[in-house]
Structure formats: C-alpha cells, structure tokens
Amino acid sequence: MKPDDLSANRLAVDIRQTEDLRLKLKQNPREGLKQVAQQFESLFIGMMLKSMRDTLPQDGLFSSDQTRLYTSMLDQQLAQKLSTSGQLGFARLIEQQMGRFLPPEDGAGGGGSYIHLTLPAERGGEDGGGGRSRHNDESG
C-alpha cells in the first residue's frame, strides 16, 4: 500500500493532516502541492454538498440533530473520496495553476517560466518595491 493510499483512507476530520501537509510541503513542494490541492477540492465539494442539502426540506420523520450530524459526516467523507479519486479534476487544475509559483525541478530542463515571490527581507530590501520580483527562465 502506497502512502497516498493511506491518506485516502483517513477520516475527513483528521487533525494531524495539517501538520503532515506542512511537512510534505517542506520536503517535496510538488507532492505537497498535490495534496493541498486535493484538500482544497475536498473542502469545496463539502461546501457544495452542504449547500445542496440546505435546499432540501428540513422537516419530516428523519429530521433530527443526530441525522443532520450523520449526514454532515457522510458529506465530509464523500467529499474526501471524490477529491482523492480525481474524477472532478478541480485538484488537478489547482495544482497546475499554483505549480507555476514553484521553481522548476532539478534536471527538468528549462523552457518554462515561473514566478518567484520573495519578501522584502529576503531580498535585502535592495529596491524597496512591493515585495515581489518576477524571474523568467526564458529571458535569461
């Protein structure tokens, strides 16, 4: 069983997951970005399911606090399963979009452009600009 398979089997409300993501981002930014994108997709799907459930009538035989709690937990797990399956594709799009902010991988060959954001303290304050600098691999 691969480590990615283990994350798919976790509960949607696992508190340790945030620390695991932080560690993964430090060790391997590209893989960490993939997991963050999946978590964001899961959160988005969960909010979408909650909004869809809110449109249904709330009275009836099965309308109780316990039923709403169970339904909420079911929606969280369903959202996580959908995001890890990759069938909707939101995580992939987020990963592509945000991946442009990461430096190119070693040995990946040039040709692509990326944006490198730095804080003024990291740059030494040489230009006193707004805290951003843009580097383009193609321009040299």
N, C-alpha and C. Protein backbone atom coordinates (compact mmCIF):
# COMPACT_ATOMS: atom_id res chain seq x y z
N MET A 1 0.84 -1.18 0.00
CA MET A 1 0.00 0.00 0.00
C MET A 1 0.89 1.24 0.00
N LYS A 2 0.64 2.15 -0.94
CA LYS A 2 1.43 3.37 -1.06
C LYS A 2 0.98 4.39 -0.01
N PRO A 3 1.85 5.35 0.33
CA PRO A 3 1.46 6.39 1.29
C PRO A 3 0.24 7.19 0.83
N ASP A 4 0.08 7.38 -0.50
CA ASP A 4 -1.08 8.11 -0.99
C ASP A 4 -2.37 7.37 -0.70
N ASP A 5 -2.30 6.02 -0.74
CA ASP A 5 -3.47 5.22 -0.43
C ASP A 5 -3.88 5.40 1.03
N LEU A 6 -2.89 5.58 1.90
CA LEU A 6 -3.20 5.77 3.32
C LEU A 6 -3.95 7.07 3.55
N SER A 7 -3.60 8.13 2.82
CA SER A 7 -4.29 9.40 3.02
C SER A 7 -5.73 9.33 2.53
N ALA A 8 -6.00 8.46 1.57
CA ALA A 8 -7.37 8.32 1.08
C ALA A 8 -8.25 7.62 2.10
N ASN A 9 -7.65 6.83 2.99
CA ASN A 9 -8.41 6.08 3.98
C ASN A 9 -8.57 6.82 5.29
N ARG A 10 -8.03 8.01 5.42
CA ARG A 10 -8.15 8.77 6.66
C ARG A 10 -9.54 9.36 6.80
N LEU A 11 -9.87 9.67 8.03
CA LEU A 11 -11.11 10.39 8.26
C LEU A 11 -10.98 11.80 7.72
N ALA A 12 -12.07 12.37 7.29
CA ALA A 12 -12.04 13.73 6.74
C ALA A 12 -11.69 14.75 7.80
N VAL A 13 -11.88 14.43 9.07
CA VAL A 13 -11.64 15.40 10.15
C VAL A 13 -10.35 15.10 10.90
N ASP A 14 -9.38 14.46 10.26
CA ASP A 14 -8.11 14.12 10.90
C ASP A 14 -7.32 15.40 11.17
N ILE A 15 -7.06 15.67 12.44
CA ILE A 15 -6.38 16.89 12.85
C ILE A 15 -4.91 16.88 12.44
N ARG A 16 -4.27 15.72 12.46
CA ARG A 16 -2.85 15.62 12.13
C ARG A 16 -2.57 15.91 10.67
N GLN A 17 -3.59 15.93 9.86
CA GLN A 17 -3.40 16.10 8.43
C GLN A 17 -2.74 17.44 8.09
N THR A 18 -3.05 18.49 8.81
CA THR A 18 -2.46 19.79 8.55
C THR A 18 -0.95 19.76 8.78
N GLU A 19 -0.52 19.16 9.86
CA GLU A 19 0.92 19.06 10.13
C GLU A 19 1.60 18.19 9.08
N ASP A 20 0.94 17.11 8.66
CA ASP A 20 1.51 16.26 7.62
C ASP A 20 1.69 17.03 6.32
N LEU A 21 0.71 17.88 5.99
CA LEU A 21 0.80 18.69 4.78
C LEU A 21 1.94 19.70 4.87
N ARG A 22 2.10 20.33 6.02
CA ARG A 22 3.21 21.28 6.19
C ARG A 22 4.55 20.60 6.00
N LEU A 23 4.70 19.43 6.59
CA LEU A 23 5.95 18.69 6.46
C LEU A 23 6.19 18.28 5.02
N LYS A 24 5.14 17.82 4.35
CA LYS A 24 5.25 17.39 2.96
C LYS A 24 5.64 18.56 2.06
N LEU A 25 5.09 19.75 2.32
CA LEU A 25 5.43 20.93 1.53
C LEU A 25 6.89 21.31 1.68
N LYS A 26 7.44 21.11 2.88
CA LYS A 26 8.86 21.43 3.09
C LYS A 26 9.76 20.40 2.41
N GLN A 27 9.38 19.13 2.47
CA GLN A 27 10.22 18.06 1.92
C GLN A 27 10.13 17.98 0.40
N ASN A 28 8.92 18.02 -0.11
CA ASN A 28 8.70 17.87 -1.55
C ASN A 28 7.56 18.81 -1.96
N PRO A 29 7.89 20.03 -2.38
CA PRO A 29 6.84 21.02 -2.67
C PRO A 29 5.83 20.58 -3.72
N ARG A 30 6.28 19.89 -4.75
CA ARG A 30 5.34 19.47 -5.81
C ARG A 30 4.32 18.45 -5.29
N GLU A 31 4.80 17.47 -4.54
CA GLU A 31 3.89 16.46 -3.98
C GLU A 31 3.00 17.09 -2.91
N GLY A 32 3.56 18.01 -2.13
CA GLY A 32 2.77 18.72 -1.13
C GLY A 32 1.67 19.54 -1.77
N LEU A 33 2.00 20.19 -2.88
CA LEU A 33 1.01 20.99 -3.60
C LEU A 33 -0.14 20.11 -4.09
N LYS A 34 0.20 18.91 -4.53
CA LYS A 34 -0.84 17.98 -4.99
C LYS A 34 -1.80 17.65 -3.86
N GLN A 35 -1.26 17.39 -2.67
CA GLN A 35 -2.11 17.05 -1.53
C GLN A 35 -2.92 18.26 -1.05
N VAL A 36 -2.32 19.44 -1.07
CA VAL A 36 -3.05 20.65 -0.68
C VAL A 36 -4.19 20.90 -1.66
N ALA A 37 -3.93 20.70 -2.94
CA ALA A 37 -4.98 20.88 -3.95
C ALA A 37 -6.12 19.89 -3.73
N GLN A 38 -5.79 18.66 -3.37
CA GLN A 38 -6.83 17.67 -3.08
C GLN A 38 -7.65 18.07 -1.86
N GLN A 39 -6.98 18.60 -0.84
CA GLN A 39 -7.69 19.04 0.36
C GLN A 39 -8.61 20.22 0.04
N PHE A 40 -8.13 21.13 -0.79
CA PHE A 40 -8.97 22.27 -1.17
C PHE A 40 -10.17 21.80 -1.97
N GLU A 41 -9.94 20.85 -2.89
CA GLU A 41 -11.06 20.30 -3.65
C GLU A 41 -12.05 19.61 -2.72
N SER A 42 -11.56 18.89 -1.74
CA SER A 42 -12.42 18.23 -0.77
C SER A 42 -13.26 19.24 0.00
N LEU A 43 -12.63 20.32 0.42
CA LEU A 43 -13.34 21.38 1.14
C LEU A 43 -14.42 22.00 0.25
N PHE A 44 -14.07 22.26 -1.00
CA PHE A 44 -15.02 22.85 -1.95
C PHE A 44 -16.21 21.92 -2.18
N ILE A 45 -15.94 20.64 -2.40
CA ILE A 45 -17.02 19.68 -2.62
C ILE A 45 -17.89 19.56 -1.38
N GLY A 46 -17.27 19.57 -0.20
CA GLY A 46 -18.04 19.51 1.05
C GLY A 46 -18.98 20.69 1.19
N MET A 47 -18.49 21.88 0.85
CA MET A 47 -19.34 23.07 0.92
C MET A 47 -20.47 22.99 -0.11
N MET A 48 -20.16 22.44 -1.27
CA MET A 48 -21.17 22.28 -2.31
C MET A 48 -22.25 21.30 -1.86
N LEU A 49 -21.84 20.17 -1.27
CA LEU A 49 -22.82 19.19 -0.78
C LEU A 49 -23.68 19.78 0.34
N LYS A 50 -23.05 20.55 1.23
CA LYS A 50 -23.80 21.18 2.32
C LYS A 50 -24.84 22.15 1.77
N SER A 51 -24.45 22.93 0.78
CA SER A 51 -25.39 23.86 0.16
C SER A 51 -26.53 23.12 -0.53
N MET A 52 -26.21 22.01 -1.16
CA MET A 52 -27.25 21.22 -1.81
C MET A 52 -28.21 20.64 -0.78
N ARG A 53 -27.68 20.16 0.34
CA ARG A 53 -28.55 19.61 1.40
C ARG A 53 -29.43 20.69 2.02
N ASP A 54 -28.90 21.91 2.11
CA ASP A 54 -29.67 23.00 2.70
C ASP A 54 -30.90 23.36 1.87
N THR A 55 -30.92 22.99 0.59
CA THR A 55 -32.07 23.29 -0.25
C THR A 55 -33.22 22.32 -0.02
N LEU A 56 -32.94 21.18 0.63
CA LEU A 56 -33.98 20.19 0.90
C LEU A 56 -34.82 20.60 2.10
N PRO A 57 -36.08 20.18 2.13
CA PRO A 57 -36.91 20.48 3.31
C PRO A 57 -36.32 19.83 4.56
N GLN A 58 -36.35 20.54 5.67
CA GLN A 58 -35.73 20.07 6.91
C GLN A 58 -36.71 19.41 7.87
N ASP A 59 -37.98 19.36 7.53
CA ASP A 59 -38.94 18.73 8.43
C ASP A 59 -39.27 17.33 7.92
N GLY A 60 -39.74 16.51 8.80
CA GLY A 60 -40.10 15.17 8.40
C GLY A 60 -39.72 14.16 9.47
N LEU A 61 -39.94 12.91 9.14
CA LEU A 61 -39.71 11.82 10.07
C LEU A 61 -38.23 11.69 10.46
N PHE A 62 -37.34 11.92 9.51
CA PHE A 62 -35.91 11.72 9.77
C PHE A 62 -35.17 13.03 10.04
N SER A 63 -35.88 14.03 10.46
CA SER A 63 -35.26 15.32 10.74
C SER A 63 -34.94 15.41 12.23
N SER A 64 -33.68 15.20 12.56
CA SER A 64 -33.23 15.32 13.94
C SER A 64 -31.78 15.80 13.94
N ASP A 65 -31.30 16.20 15.09
CA ASP A 65 -29.91 16.64 15.20
C ASP A 65 -28.96 15.50 14.86
N GLN A 66 -29.31 14.30 15.28
CA GLN A 66 -28.45 13.14 15.02
C GLN A 66 -28.37 12.85 13.52
N THR A 67 -29.49 12.94 12.84
CA THR A 67 -29.50 12.71 11.40
C THR A 67 -28.68 13.76 10.67
N ARG A 68 -28.81 15.01 11.08
CA ARG A 68 -28.03 16.08 10.46
C ARG A 68 -26.53 15.90 10.72
N LEU A 69 -26.16 15.46 11.91
CA LEU A 69 -24.76 15.20 12.22
C LEU A 69 -24.22 14.06 11.35
N TYR A 70 -24.97 12.98 11.26
CA TYR A 70 -24.55 11.85 10.43
C TYR A 70 -24.43 12.27 8.97
N THR A 71 -25.40 13.02 8.48
CA THR A 71 -25.37 13.47 7.09
C THR A 71 -24.17 14.38 6.84
N SER A 72 -23.85 15.23 7.79
CA SER A 72 -22.68 16.10 7.67
C SER A 72 -21.39 15.29 7.60
N MET A 73 -21.28 14.28 8.45
CA MET A 73 -20.09 13.41 8.43
C MET A 73 -20.02 12.62 7.13
N LEU A 74 -21.16 12.15 6.65
CA LEU A 74 -21.21 11.43 5.39
C LEU A 74 -20.76 12.33 4.24
N ASP A 75 -21.21 13.57 4.23
CA ASP A 75 -20.82 14.51 3.19
C ASP A 75 -19.32 14.79 3.22
N GLN A 76 -18.73 14.90 4.41
CA GLN A 76 -17.29 15.12 4.52
C GLN A 76 -16.51 13.95 3.94
N GLN A 77 -16.92 12.74 4.29
CA GLN A 77 -16.23 11.56 3.76
C GLN A 77 -16.42 11.44 2.26
N LEU A 78 -17.63 11.70 1.78
CA LEU A 78 -17.90 11.64 0.35
C LEU A 78 -17.06 12.67 -0.40
N ALA A 79 -16.95 13.87 0.15
CA ALA A 79 -16.14 14.92 -0.48
C ALA A 79 -14.68 14.50 -0.55
N GLN A 80 -14.17 13.88 0.51
CA GLN A 80 -12.78 13.44 0.51
C GLN A 80 -12.56 12.33 -0.51
N LYS A 81 -13.48 11.38 -0.58
CA LYS A 81 -13.35 10.29 -1.55
C LYS A 81 -13.39 10.82 -2.98
N LEU A 82 -14.31 11.75 -3.25
CA LEU A 82 -14.39 12.32 -4.59
C LEU A 82 -13.12 13.08 -4.96
N SER A 83 -12.55 13.80 -4.01
CA SER A 83 -11.35 14.57 -4.32
C SER A 83 -10.14 13.66 -4.54
N THR A 84 -10.03 12.57 -3.79
CA THR A 84 -8.89 11.67 -3.99
C THR A 84 -9.04 10.81 -5.24
N SER A 85 -10.26 10.62 -5.72
CA SER A 85 -10.45 9.84 -6.94
C SER A 85 -10.02 10.62 -8.18
N GLY A 86 -10.07 11.94 -8.11
CA GLY A 86 -9.65 12.77 -9.23
C GLY A 86 -10.67 12.85 -10.35
N GLN A 87 -11.88 12.39 -10.13
CA GLN A 87 -12.88 12.37 -11.18
C GLN A 87 -13.40 13.76 -11.55
N LEU A 88 -13.42 14.67 -10.60
CA LEU A 88 -13.92 16.01 -10.90
C LEU A 88 -12.84 16.90 -11.51
N GLY A 89 -11.59 16.71 -11.12
CA GLY A 89 -10.49 17.43 -11.74
C GLY A 89 -10.16 18.80 -11.18
N PHE A 90 -10.85 19.23 -10.13
CA PHE A 90 -10.55 20.54 -9.55
C PHE A 90 -9.13 20.58 -8.99
N ALA A 91 -8.73 19.52 -8.31
CA ALA A 91 -7.39 19.48 -7.70
C ALA A 91 -6.31 19.57 -8.76
N ARG A 92 -6.51 18.89 -9.87
CA ARG A 92 -5.53 18.92 -10.96
C ARG A 92 -5.39 20.34 -11.51
N LEU A 93 -6.51 21.03 -11.68
CA LEU A 93 -6.46 22.40 -12.18
C LEU A 93 -5.79 23.34 -11.18
N ILE A 94 -6.10 23.17 -9.91
CA ILE A 94 -5.47 23.99 -8.87
C ILE A 94 -3.97 23.72 -8.85
N GLU A 95 -3.59 22.46 -8.97
CA GLU A 95 -2.17 22.10 -8.96
C GLU A 95 -1.44 22.72 -10.15
N GLN A 96 -2.05 22.70 -11.32
CA GLN A 96 -1.44 23.32 -12.49
C GLN A 96 -1.29 24.82 -12.30
N GLN A 97 -2.33 25.45 -11.79
CA GLN A 97 -2.31 26.90 -11.60
C GLN A 97 -1.25 27.31 -10.58
N MET A 98 -1.24 26.67 -9.43
CA MET A 98 -0.31 27.04 -8.36
C MET A 98 1.10 26.51 -8.60
N GLY A 99 1.24 25.49 -9.42
CA GLY A 99 2.55 24.93 -9.72
C GLY A 99 3.46 25.90 -10.43
N ARG A 100 2.88 26.90 -11.05
CA ARG A 100 3.70 27.92 -11.73
C ARG A 100 4.48 28.77 -10.74
N PHE A 101 4.07 28.78 -9.48
CA PHE A 101 4.76 29.57 -8.47
C PHE A 101 5.93 28.82 -7.85
N LEU A 102 6.08 27.54 -8.20
CA LEU A 102 7.20 26.75 -7.67
C LEU A 102 8.37 26.84 -8.64
N PRO A 103 9.59 26.81 -8.12
CA PRO A 103 10.75 26.80 -9.02
C PRO A 103 10.78 25.48 -9.79
N PRO A 104 11.40 25.48 -10.97
CA PRO A 104 11.47 24.24 -11.74
C PRO A 104 12.27 23.18 -10.99
N GLU A 105 11.91 21.92 -11.25
CA GLU A 105 12.61 20.81 -10.60
C GLU A 105 14.00 20.68 -11.19
N ASP A 106 14.94 20.19 -10.40
CA ASP A 106 16.30 19.97 -10.88
C ASP A 106 16.29 18.91 -11.97
N GLY A 107 16.99 19.19 -13.06
CA GLY A 107 17.08 18.23 -14.15
C GLY A 107 15.83 18.16 -15.00
N ALA A 108 14.88 19.07 -14.79
CA ALA A 108 13.64 19.03 -15.55
C ALA A 108 13.80 19.70 -16.91
N GLY A 109 14.92 20.37 -17.15
CA GLY A 109 15.11 21.06 -18.42
C GLY A 109 14.37 22.38 -18.40
N GLY A 110 14.95 23.37 -18.98
CA GLY A 110 14.36 24.71 -18.97
C GLY A 110 13.20 24.81 -19.93
N GLY A 111 12.92 26.03 -20.32
CA GLY A 111 11.86 26.25 -21.29
C GLY A 111 10.59 26.79 -20.69
N GLY A 112 10.30 26.51 -19.45
CA GLY A 112 9.09 27.01 -18.82
C GLY A 112 9.37 28.28 -18.05
N SER A 113 8.34 29.00 -17.77
CA SER A 113 8.53 30.20 -16.97
C SER A 113 7.83 30.00 -15.63
N TYR A 114 8.33 30.65 -14.62
CA TYR A 114 7.72 30.58 -13.31
C TYR A 114 7.86 31.92 -12.63
N ILE A 115 7.05 32.14 -11.64
CA ILE A 115 7.08 33.37 -10.88
C ILE A 115 7.64 33.05 -9.51
N HIS A 116 8.62 33.82 -9.08
CA HIS A 116 9.22 33.61 -7.76
C HIS A 116 8.87 34.80 -6.89
N LEU A 117 8.13 34.56 -5.83
CA LEU A 117 7.74 35.63 -4.93
C LEU A 117 8.69 35.66 -3.74
N THR A 118 9.14 36.84 -3.39
CA THR A 118 10.01 36.98 -2.23
C THR A 118 9.52 38.11 -1.36
N LEU A 119 9.85 38.03 -0.10
CA LEU A 119 9.54 39.10 0.83
C LEU A 119 10.68 40.11 0.80
N PRO A 120 10.42 41.38 1.13
CA PRO A 120 11.49 42.38 1.12
C PRO A 120 12.67 41.98 1.99
N ALA A 121 12.45 41.33 3.12
CA ALA A 121 13.55 40.93 4.00
C ALA A 121 14.44 39.89 3.33
N GLU A 122 13.85 39.02 2.50
CA GLU A 122 14.64 38.00 1.81
C GLU A 122 15.53 38.62 0.74
N ARG A 123 15.05 39.68 0.10
CA ARG A 123 15.81 40.33 -0.95
C ARG A 123 16.83 41.30 -0.40
N GLY A 124 16.78 41.58 0.86
CA GLY A 124 17.70 42.54 1.45
C GLY A 124 17.24 43.96 1.26
N GLY A 125 16.02 44.15 0.73
CA GLY A 125 15.46 45.49 0.57
C GLY A 125 16.21 46.32 -0.46
N GLU A 126 16.76 45.69 -1.53
CA GLU A 126 17.57 46.45 -2.46
C GLU A 126 16.78 47.46 -3.28
N ASP A 127 15.51 47.17 -3.57
CA ASP A 127 14.77 48.14 -4.37
C ASP A 127 13.59 48.75 -3.64
N GLY A 128 13.27 48.24 -2.47
CA GLY A 128 12.16 48.80 -1.69
C GLY A 128 10.83 48.66 -2.37
N GLY A 129 10.72 47.70 -3.30
CA GLY A 129 9.48 47.51 -4.06
C GLY A 129 8.40 46.88 -3.22
N GLY A 130 7.39 46.40 -3.89
CA GLY A 130 6.22 45.85 -3.22
C GLY A 130 6.40 44.44 -2.71
N GLY A 131 7.61 43.92 -2.68
CA GLY A 131 7.80 42.58 -2.14
C GLY A 131 7.73 41.49 -3.17
N ARG A 132 7.61 41.85 -4.44
CA ARG A 132 7.52 40.84 -5.48
C ARG A 132 8.64 41.03 -6.49
N SER A 133 9.12 39.97 -6.99
CA SER A 133 10.05 40.03 -8.11
C SER A 133 9.66 38.93 -9.07
N ARG A 134 9.80 39.18 -10.34
CA ARG A 134 9.41 38.20 -11.34
C ARG A 134 10.66 37.77 -12.09
N HIS A 135 10.88 36.47 -12.10
CA HIS A 135 12.01 35.89 -12.82
C HIS A 135 11.43 35.03 -13.92
N ASN A 136 11.99 35.13 -15.09
CA ASN A 136 11.53 34.34 -16.22
C ASN A 136 12.71 33.55 -16.75
N ASP A 137 12.61 32.23 -16.77
CA ASP A 137 13.71 31.38 -17.23
C ASP A 137 14.05 31.64 -18.69
N GLU A 138 13.05 31.99 -19.50
CA GLU A 138 13.29 32.16 -20.93
C GLU A 138 14.08 33.42 -21.24
N SER A 139 13.97 34.46 -20.40
CA SER A 139 14.63 35.73 -20.69
C SER A 139 16.09 35.71 -20.31
N GLY A 140 16.54 34.67 -19.64
CA GLY A 140 17.96 34.56 -19.37
C GLY A 140 18.27 34.82 -18.00
